[in-house]
Amino acid sequence: MTLPLTFRLPQASISVTRVDSELQDQAAHDFERLFRDIGPVLWRAIYAYSGGRRVVADDAVAEAFSRALERRDTIRNPVPWLYRTAFRLGRGGDEDRGAPRAPDGGAGSR
């Protein structure tokens, strides 16, 4: 017995493009809502990334949103921008990347 072959493209239950564009539109105009929607998720990601250091997660997420507000006119897609910025801040490599560090953790000694 031979079964007929039919090829159907799988239908997604939700349009990823639509959701992504809605997030971009919301994010571009409403950072408060963006903070409520992705802030906790971003905080948990940084918390895990930093090895459970709450202070690092708090500071990185707050600073990332602060910088986003300062640059809101130049950020095209704030969600990935916030993630990149928060992870850079969480690892401590955002500023003075090329400067050698002193043994006490400072950028230089005097």
C-alpha atoms as a PDB file:
ATOM      1  CA  MET A   1       0.000   0.000   0.000  1.00  0.00           C
ATOM      2  CA  THR A   2       1.435   3.347  -1.021  1.00  0.00           C
ATOM      3  CA  LEU A   3       0.614   6.488   0.889  1.00  0.00           C
ATOM      4  CA  PRO A   4       0.422   9.730  -1.046  1.00  0.00           C
ATOM      5  CA  LEU A   5       3.090  12.237  -0.133  1.00  0.00           C
ATOM      6  CA  THR A   6       1.915  15.694   0.642  1.00  0.00           C
ATOM      7  CA  PHE A   7       4.192  18.546   1.435  1.00  0.00           C
ATOM      8  CA  ARG A   8       2.898  21.273   3.658  1.00  0.00           C
ATOM      9  CA  LEU A   9       4.798  24.133   5.078  1.00  0.00           C
ATOM     10  CA  PRO A  10       4.462  24.175   8.840  1.00  0.00           C
ATOM     11  CA  GLN A  11       2.320  27.011  10.071  1.00  0.00           C
ATOM     12  CA  ALA A  12       3.603  28.893  13.053  1.00  0.00           C
ATOM     13  CA  SER A  13       1.082  29.562  15.766  1.00  0.00           C
ATOM     14  CA  ILE A  14       2.365  33.112  16.077  1.00  0.00           C
ATOM     15  CA  SER A  15       4.146  35.365  13.659  1.00  0.00           C
ATOM     16  CA  VAL A  16       7.664  35.981  14.946  1.00  0.00           C
ATOM     17  CA  THR A  17       8.075  38.909  12.570  1.00  0.00           C
ATOM     18  CA  ARG A  18       4.918  40.518  13.885  1.00  0.00           C
ATOM     19  CA  VAL A  19       5.935  40.100  17.512  1.00  0.00           C
ATOM     20  CA  ASP A  20       9.444  41.387  16.828  1.00  0.00           C
ATOM     21  CA  SER A  21       8.161  44.468  15.019  1.00  0.00           C
ATOM     22  CA  GLU A  22       5.657  45.146  17.812  1.00  0.00           C
ATOM     23  CA  LEU A  23       8.457  44.951  20.388  1.00  0.00           C
ATOM     24  CA  GLN A  24      10.587  47.301  18.311  1.00  0.00           C
ATOM     25  CA  ASP A  25       7.742  49.802  18.000  1.00  0.00           C
ATOM     26  CA  GLN A  26       6.968  49.638  21.712  1.00  0.00           C
ATOM     27  CA  ALA A  27      10.612  49.802  22.663  1.00  0.00           C
ATOM     28  CA  ALA A  28      11.308  52.798  20.456  1.00  0.00           C
ATOM     29  CA  HIS A  29       8.602  54.858  22.116  1.00  0.00           C
ATOM     30  CA  ASP A  30       8.059  53.441  25.589  1.00  0.00           C
ATOM     31  CA  PHE A  31      11.151  52.565  27.621  1.00  0.00           C
ATOM     32  CA  GLU A  32       9.057  52.253  30.773  1.00  0.00           C
ATOM     33  CA  ARG A  33       7.022  49.438  29.250  1.00  0.00           C
ATOM     34  CA  LEU A  34      10.180  47.881  27.831  1.00  0.00           C
ATOM     35  CA  PHE A  35      11.705  47.939  31.333  1.00  0.00           C
ATOM     36  CA  ARG A  36       8.630  46.200  32.750  1.00  0.00           C
ATOM     37  CA  ASP A  37       8.539  43.602  29.943  1.00  0.00           C
ATOM     38  CA  ILE A  38      12.181  42.610  29.504  1.00  0.00           C
ATOM     39  CA  GLY A  39      13.835  44.092  32.584  1.00  0.00           C
ATOM     40  CA  PRO A  40      13.207  41.056  34.818  1.00  0.00           C
ATOM     41  CA  VAL A  41      14.267  38.613  32.097  1.00  0.00           C
ATOM     42  CA  LEU A  42      17.421  40.597  31.407  1.00  0.00           C
ATOM     43  CA  TRP A  43      18.163  40.828  35.134  1.00  0.00           C
ATOM     44  CA  ARG A  44      17.885  37.027  35.533  1.00  0.00           C
ATOM     45  CA  ALA A  45      20.185  36.494  32.543  1.00  0.00           C
ATOM     46  CA  ILE A  46      22.836  38.828  33.977  1.00  0.00           C
ATOM     47  CA  TYR A  47      22.381  37.317  37.446  1.00  0.00           C
ATOM     48  CA  ALA A  48      23.124  33.847  36.052  1.00  0.00           C
ATOM     49  CA  TYR A  49      25.966  35.145  33.869  1.00  0.00           C
ATOM     50  CA  SER A  50      27.625  36.847  36.839  1.00  0.00           C
ATOM     51  CA  GLY A  51      27.515  33.705  38.950  1.00  0.00           C
ATOM     52  CA  GLY A  52      24.665  34.790  41.190  1.00  0.00           C
ATOM     53  CA  ARG A  53      25.988  38.216  42.103  1.00  0.00           C
ATOM     54  CA  ARG A  54      22.895  40.322  42.706  1.00  0.00           C
ATOM     55  CA  VAL A  55      24.786  43.626  42.858  1.00  0.00           C
ATOM     56  CA  VAL A  56      26.320  43.005  39.431  1.00  0.00           C
ATOM     57  CA  ALA A  57      22.914  42.204  37.922  1.00  0.00           C
ATOM     58  CA  ASP A  58      21.267  45.229  39.525  1.00  0.00           C
ATOM     59  CA  ASP A  59      23.997  47.610  38.402  1.00  0.00           C
ATOM     60  CA  ALA A  60      24.363  46.223  34.868  1.00  0.00           C
ATOM     61  CA  VAL A  61      20.645  46.313  34.073  1.00  0.00           C
ATOM     62  CA  ALA A  62      20.122  49.753  35.607  1.00  0.00           C
ATOM     63  CA  GLU A  63      23.139  51.188  33.776  1.00  0.00           C
ATOM     64  CA  ALA A  64      22.099  49.583  30.469  1.00  0.00           C
ATOM     65  CA  PHE A  65      18.649  51.184  30.672  1.00  0.00           C
ATOM     66  CA  SER A  66      20.158  54.492  31.734  1.00  0.00           C
ATOM     67  CA  ARG A  67      22.455  54.496  28.706  1.00  0.00           C
ATOM     68  CA  ALA A  68      19.588  53.470  26.451  1.00  0.00           C
ATOM     69  CA  LEU A  69      17.573  56.473  27.602  1.00  0.00           C
ATOM     70  CA  GLU A  70      20.528  58.755  26.866  1.00  0.00           C
ATOM     71  CA  ARG A  71      20.879  57.300  23.355  1.00  0.00           C
ATOM     72  CA  ARG A  72      17.213  56.585  22.547  1.00  0.00           C
ATOM     73  CA  ASP A  73      17.324  58.618  19.332  1.00  0.00           C
ATOM     74  CA  THR A  74      20.215  56.594  17.889  1.00  0.00           C
ATOM     75  CA  ILE A  75      19.173  53.061  18.922  1.00  0.00           C
ATOM     76  CA  ARG A  76      17.289  51.266  16.157  1.00  0.00           C
ATOM     77  CA  ASN A  77      16.445  48.059  18.016  1.00  0.00           C
ATOM     78  CA  PRO A  78      16.710  48.539  21.780  1.00  0.00           C
ATOM     79  CA  VAL A  79      16.200  44.937  22.957  1.00  0.00           C
ATOM     80  CA  PRO A  80      19.435  43.482  21.523  1.00  0.00           C
ATOM     81  CA  TRP A  81      21.220  46.743  22.359  1.00  0.00           C
ATOM     82  CA  LEU A  82      20.170  46.432  25.997  1.00  0.00           C
ATOM     83  CA  TYR A  83      21.298  42.803  26.163  1.00  0.00           C
ATOM     84  CA  ARG A  84      24.707  43.560  24.624  1.00  0.00           C
ATOM     85  CA  THR A  85      25.242  46.540  26.909  1.00  0.00           C
ATOM     86  CA  ALA A  86      24.127  44.744  30.070  1.00  0.00           C
ATOM     87  CA  PHE A  87      26.321  41.719  29.339  1.00  0.00           C
ATOM     88  CA  ARG A  88      29.326  43.963  28.675  1.00  0.00           C
ATOM     89  CA  LEU A  89      28.700  45.779  31.941  1.00  0.00           C
ATOM     90  CA  GLY A  90      28.138  42.491  33.743  1.00  0.00           C
ATOM     91  CA  ARG A  91      31.505  41.145  32.728  1.00  0.00           C
ATOM     92  CA  GLY A  92      33.173  44.412  33.710  1.00  0.00           C
ATOM     93  CA  GLY A  93      34.680  44.997  30.286  1.00  0.00           C
ATOM     94  CA  ASP A  94      32.761  48.026  29.122  1.00  0.00           C
ATOM     95  CA  GLU A  95      35.231  50.783  29.889  1.00  0.00           C
ATOM     96  CA  ASP A  96      38.986  50.947  29.549  1.00  0.00           C
ATOM     97  CA  ARG A  97      39.046  47.738  27.557  1.00  0.00           C
ATOM     98  CA  GLY A  98      42.585  48.233  26.332  1.00  0.00           C
ATOM     99  CA  ALA A  99      44.021  49.779  29.483  1.00  0.00           C
ATOM    100  CA  PRO A 100      46.098  47.507  31.697  1.00  0.00           C
ATOM    101  CA  ARG A 101      44.640  46.963  35.147  1.00  0.00           C
ATOM    102  CA  ALA A 102      46.503  47.456  38.370  1.00  0.00           C
ATOM    103  CA  PRO A 103      46.537  44.587  40.887  1.00  0.00           C
ATOM    104  CA  ASP A 104      43.928  46.357  43.032  1.00  0.00           C
ATOM    105  CA  GLY A 105      41.463  46.287  40.092  1.00  0.00           C
ATOM    106  CA  GLY A 106      41.836  49.935  39.122  1.00  0.00           C
ATOM    107  CA  ALA A 107      42.627  51.172  35.623  1.00  0.00           C
ATOM    108  CA  GLY A 108      45.998  52.494  36.692  1.00  0.00           C
ATOM    109  CA  SER A 109      47.986  53.338  39.767  1.00  0.00           C
ATOM    110  CA  ARG A 110      49.476  56.611  40.959  1.00  0.00           C
END
